[in-house]
Amino acid sequence: SVLLKQARSAKSLIQKHRPDRVIVLGGDCGVELAPFAYLNEKYDGDTALLWVDLHPDVSIPEDWPNHHAHVLANLMGIGDKEFVAEVPRPFKPEQVLFVGLNDMMEALHSKPLQNMKFDIATPDDIEEDSSKVLQWLDSRKPSKVIVHFDLDVLDLREYRSLLIANPDTYDEMVGKAPKASSIETIIRVLQDVAKAHDVAGLGITEHFPWDAYNLQNMLQRLPLLGDINKKDKAPFNWIF
């Protein structure tokens, strides 16, 4: 109910201003439901959606409990009926290219999706150049491109401001993490896309700055700055 309220609030603000382009700074991936649905409706489905993410985010409630992993399914008209109702013009599978996808691939084969064909550019496909992404866009010639950029598509060894990079479990997570992309690789891909196509939407999600969180915790408990009797840390969401 909280997430639906937030999505509807965002939708109301967007409809009030009717922008031609939208930038979204998350939050988790679910924050893109309203703005991306708006852009696809505004441009009559003549869009391409680059899902730049280590994960496909097409899970359904029966398989995964947390909405951040459902949002692309919702944008395609699949999943919880209340979230799907917030998408007036669902994206078609042929509008979507996964970029950097390399984890939770089994979600692409759930029952609602099993007959859909999805295009994927893996971390290996984009490591040397952006040709696979550009060729895919050139074959579709959309009037607008929408980019979802989940920061977890970046290599955990290079970029650590992610929830899974908890310092207490970091070494374990690095050892288990699948291959991801470098910062420079993703920058190059998105620059190349923007040079050749009209980007109307950009969402950047899943930022969690552990150093800032730990600094805040420390300052709140130091003499002159905080409470020297404070023992507890600020809470954070650790539900995946």
Protein backbone atom coordinates (compact mmCIF):
# COMPACT_ATOMS: atom_id res chain seq x y z
CA SER A 1 0.00 0.00 0.00
CA VAL A 2 2.90 2.38 0.73
CA LEU A 3 4.54 1.67 -2.62
CA LEU A 4 1.26 2.13 -4.49
CA LYS A 5 0.71 5.44 -2.72
CA GLN A 6 4.19 6.60 -3.76
CA ALA A 7 3.67 5.49 -7.38
CA ARG A 8 0.33 7.30 -7.58
CA SER A 9 1.80 10.43 -6.04
CA ALA A 10 4.61 10.42 -8.60
CA LYS A 11 2.08 9.85 -11.38
CA SER A 12 0.03 12.83 -10.21
CA LEU A 13 3.06 15.14 -10.19
CA ILE A 14 4.18 13.97 -13.62
CA GLN A 15 0.71 14.45 -15.09
CA LYS A 16 0.60 17.96 -13.62
CA HIS A 17 3.79 19.05 -15.41
CA ARG A 18 3.70 16.76 -18.49
CA PRO A 19 7.49 16.86 -19.11
CA ASP A 20 9.07 15.76 -22.37
CA ARG A 21 11.94 14.10 -20.50
CA VAL A 22 12.26 12.58 -17.04
CA ILE A 23 15.25 11.88 -14.79
CA VAL A 24 14.63 9.58 -11.82
CA LEU A 25 17.05 9.25 -8.90
CA GLY A 26 16.20 6.30 -6.65
CA GLY A 27 15.43 4.64 -4.34
CA ASP A 28 15.01 1.11 -5.55
CA CYS A 29 13.96 0.15 -9.06
CA GLY A 30 10.28 0.47 -8.21
CA VAL A 31 10.50 4.26 -8.37
CA GLU A 32 10.52 4.03 -12.17
CA LEU A 33 7.03 2.58 -12.48
CA ALA A 34 5.17 5.88 -12.87
CA PRO A 35 7.72 7.88 -14.92
CA PHE A 36 8.52 5.12 -17.40
CA ALA A 37 4.84 4.25 -17.84
CA TYR A 38 4.20 7.94 -18.51
CA LEU A 39 6.93 8.17 -21.15
CA ASN A 40 5.78 5.09 -23.02
CA GLU A 41 2.22 6.43 -23.11
CA LYS A 42 3.33 9.94 -24.08
CA TYR A 43 5.30 8.65 -27.07
CA ASP A 44 2.60 6.15 -28.14
CA GLY A 45 4.81 3.13 -27.52
CA ASP A 46 7.43 4.38 -30.00
CA THR A 47 10.17 3.89 -27.42
CA ALA A 48 12.99 1.51 -26.60
CA LEU A 49 13.75 0.63 -23.00
CA LEU A 50 17.35 -0.23 -22.11
CA TRP A 51 17.27 -2.17 -18.85
CA VAL A 52 20.87 -1.66 -17.68
CA ASP A 53 20.87 -3.96 -14.69
CA LEU A 54 22.51 -7.10 -13.34
CA HIS A 55 18.97 -8.45 -12.75
CA PRO A 56 15.91 -8.58 -15.03
CA ASP A 57 13.34 -7.29 -12.48
CA VAL A 58 10.58 -9.37 -14.07
CA SER A 59 9.75 -11.49 -11.02
CA ILE A 60 6.14 -12.04 -9.99
CA PRO A 61 4.76 -12.00 -6.42
CA GLU A 62 4.45 -15.81 -6.34
CA ASP A 63 8.21 -16.16 -6.92
CA TRP A 64 9.74 -13.14 -5.15
CA PRO A 65 8.23 -11.01 -2.36
CA ASN A 66 9.84 -7.60 -2.93
CA HIS A 67 8.45 -5.16 -5.48
CA HIS A 68 11.79 -3.77 -6.65
CA ALA A 69 12.27 -7.07 -8.50
CA HIS A 70 8.80 -6.83 -10.17
CA VAL A 71 8.86 -3.40 -11.76
CA LEU A 72 9.75 -4.31 -15.35
CA ALA A 73 7.14 -7.09 -15.32
CA ASN A 74 4.60 -4.49 -14.16
CA LEU A 75 5.69 -2.11 -16.94
CA MET A 76 4.93 -4.96 -19.38
CA GLY A 77 1.48 -5.54 -17.87
CA ILE A 78 2.45 -8.58 -15.76
CA GLY A 79 2.16 -9.15 -12.02
CA ASP A 80 0.14 -7.62 -9.22
CA LYS A 81 -3.03 -6.16 -10.71
CA GLU A 82 -2.89 -2.92 -8.69
CA PHE A 83 0.62 -2.08 -9.90
CA VAL A 84 -0.20 -3.14 -13.46
CA ALA A 85 -3.22 -0.81 -13.38
CA GLU A 86 -0.77 2.10 -13.03
CA VAL A 87 0.62 1.34 -16.52
CA PRO A 88 -1.78 2.64 -19.20
CA ARG A 89 0.34 1.45 -22.12
CA PRO A 90 2.50 -1.58 -21.27
CA PHE A 91 5.86 -2.07 -22.93
CA LYS A 92 6.12 -4.98 -25.34
CA PRO A 93 9.01 -7.46 -24.95
CA GLU A 94 10.45 -6.33 -28.28
CA GLN A 95 10.83 -2.80 -26.86
CA VAL A 96 13.21 -4.01 -24.15
CA LEU A 97 16.93 -4.74 -24.29
CA PHE A 98 18.66 -6.05 -21.18
CA VAL A 99 22.16 -4.57 -20.89
CA GLY A 100 24.68 -6.08 -18.46
CA LEU A 101 22.22 -8.77 -17.33
CA ASN A 102 23.99 -11.63 -15.55
CA ASP A 103 21.94 -12.77 -12.52
CA MET A 104 18.46 -14.10 -11.62
CA MET A 105 18.00 -15.14 -15.24
CA GLU A 106 15.49 -17.78 -14.18
CA ALA A 107 12.92 -15.02 -13.67
CA LEU A 108 12.74 -14.66 -17.47
CA HIS A 109 11.26 -18.15 -17.65
CA SER A 110 8.43 -17.83 -15.15
CA LYS A 111 5.02 -18.91 -16.41
CA PRO A 112 3.77 -15.44 -17.52
CA LEU A 113 6.99 -14.83 -19.46
CA GLN A 114 7.88 -18.26 -20.83
CA ASN A 115 6.59 -17.57 -24.34
CA MET A 116 8.21 -14.14 -24.61
CA LYS A 117 11.50 -13.53 -26.41
CA PHE A 118 13.91 -11.11 -24.78
CA ASP A 119 17.10 -9.60 -26.20
CA ILE A 120 20.15 -9.48 -23.96
CA ALA A 121 23.57 -7.79 -24.13
CA THR A 122 25.68 -9.47 -21.46
CA PRO A 123 28.68 -7.91 -19.66
CA ASP A 124 30.92 -9.71 -22.17
CA ASP A 125 28.93 -8.29 -25.11
CA ILE A 126 29.54 -4.68 -24.06
CA GLU A 127 33.05 -4.97 -22.64
CA GLU A 128 34.91 -3.97 -25.82
CA ASP A 129 32.37 -1.78 -27.64
CA SER A 130 28.71 -0.76 -27.76
CA SER A 131 27.91 -2.34 -31.12
CA LYS A 132 25.38 -4.90 -29.91
CA VAL A 133 23.31 -2.21 -28.18
CA LEU A 134 23.56 0.20 -31.10
CA GLN A 135 22.67 -2.45 -33.66
CA TRP A 136 19.63 -3.45 -31.63
CA LEU A 137 18.45 0.18 -31.47
CA ASP A 138 19.16 0.74 -35.16
CA SER A 139 17.01 -2.27 -36.06
CA ARG A 140 14.05 -0.78 -34.17
CA LYS A 141 14.50 2.95 -34.82
CA PRO A 142 12.51 4.20 -31.81
CA SER A 143 11.67 7.87 -31.59
CA LYS A 144 12.79 7.90 -27.93
CA VAL A 145 15.04 5.81 -25.72
CA ILE A 146 14.42 5.26 -22.02
CA VAL A 147 17.31 4.09 -19.84
CA HIS A 148 17.01 2.24 -16.56
CA PHE A 149 20.43 2.20 -14.83
CA ASP A 150 20.60 0.09 -11.70
CA LEU A 151 23.95 0.73 -10.08
CA ASP A 152 24.27 -2.96 -9.23
CA VAL A 153 25.19 -3.53 -12.89
CA LEU A 154 28.61 -2.17 -11.85
CA ASP A 155 31.44 -4.37 -10.61
CA LEU A 156 31.23 -4.59 -6.82
CA ARG A 157 35.02 -4.35 -6.58
CA GLU A 158 34.96 -0.95 -8.26
CA TYR A 159 31.70 0.53 -7.00
CA ARG A 160 30.68 -0.09 -3.38
CA SER A 161 27.75 2.26 -2.74
CA LEU A 162 25.28 -0.61 -2.99
CA LEU A 163 23.19 -2.26 -0.30
CA ILE A 164 24.86 -5.63 -0.92
CA ALA A 165 28.27 -4.05 -0.24
CA ASN A 166 27.68 -4.05 3.52
CA PRO A 167 31.19 -3.86 5.03
CA ASP A 168 30.29 -6.70 7.42
CA THR A 169 29.69 -9.12 4.54
CA TYR A 170 31.57 -7.45 1.69
CA ASP A 171 34.28 -10.08 1.19
CA GLU A 172 31.65 -12.81 1.06
CA MET A 173 29.52 -10.91 -1.46
CA VAL A 174 32.48 -10.13 -3.72
CA GLY A 175 33.26 -13.82 -3.83
CA LYS A 176 29.69 -14.71 -4.80
CA ALA A 177 28.91 -11.81 -7.15
CA PRO A 178 28.53 -12.68 -10.86
CA LYS A 179 30.57 -10.82 -13.46
CA ALA A 180 29.44 -7.22 -13.81
CA SER A 181 30.53 -4.18 -15.83
CA SER A 182 33.01 -1.40 -15.16
CA ILE A 183 31.92 2.19 -14.64
CA GLU A 184 33.70 3.27 -17.82
CA THR A 185 31.97 0.55 -19.83
CA ILE A 186 28.50 1.70 -18.81
CA ILE A 187 29.40 5.37 -19.35
CA ARG A 188 30.65 4.55 -22.84
CA VAL A 189 27.55 2.55 -23.75
CA LEU A 190 25.16 5.27 -22.60
CA GLN A 191 27.20 8.01 -24.27
CA ASP A 192 27.19 6.07 -27.53
CA VAL A 193 23.42 5.57 -27.28
CA ALA A 194 22.82 9.27 -26.60
CA LYS A 195 24.98 10.31 -29.57
CA ALA A 196 22.84 8.24 -31.94
CA HIS A 197 19.36 8.37 -30.37
CA ASP A 198 17.07 10.71 -28.47
CA VAL A 199 17.12 9.77 -24.77
CA ALA A 200 13.89 10.88 -23.07
CA GLY A 201 14.21 9.07 -19.76
CA LEU A 202 17.01 8.14 -17.37
CA GLY A 203 16.57 6.36 -14.07
CA ILE A 204 19.45 5.71 -11.68
CA THR A 205 18.59 3.40 -8.81
CA GLU A 206 19.80 1.28 -5.86
CA HIS A 207 22.31 3.77 -4.42
CA PHE A 208 23.33 3.01 -0.83
CA PRO A 209 26.39 4.98 0.40
CA TRP A 210 27.78 2.87 3.21
CA ASP A 211 30.50 5.36 4.11
CA ALA A 212 27.92 8.14 4.49
CA TYR A 213 25.69 5.88 6.58
CA ASN A 214 28.57 4.92 8.86
CA LEU A 215 29.72 8.53 9.14
CA GLN A 216 26.21 9.61 10.14
CA ASN A 217 26.10 6.86 12.75
CA MET A 218 29.45 7.95 14.15
CA LEU A 219 28.65 11.67 14.30
CA GLN A 220 25.36 10.99 16.09
CA ARG A 221 27.28 9.32 18.94
CA LEU A 222 30.31 11.58 19.43
CA PRO A 223 30.85 14.26 22.11
CA LEU A 224 29.61 17.77 21.21
CA LEU A 225 28.00 16.46 18.02
CA GLY A 226 25.67 13.77 19.26
CA ASP A 227 24.53 11.61 22.16
CA ILE A 228 27.40 9.87 23.97
CA ASN A 229 24.90 7.44 25.54
CA LYS A 230 23.47 6.37 22.18
CA LYS A 231 24.25 2.74 21.42
CA ASP A 232 21.96 1.87 18.52
CA LYS A 233 22.62 2.55 14.85
CA ALA A 234 20.15 4.08 12.42
CA PRO A 235 18.03 1.33 10.80
CA PHE A 236 18.20 0.52 7.09
CA ASN A 237 16.36 -1.86 4.77
CA TRP A 238 18.21 -5.14 4.38
CA ILE A 239 15.43 -7.12 2.70
CA PHE A 240 16.23 -8.81 -0.61
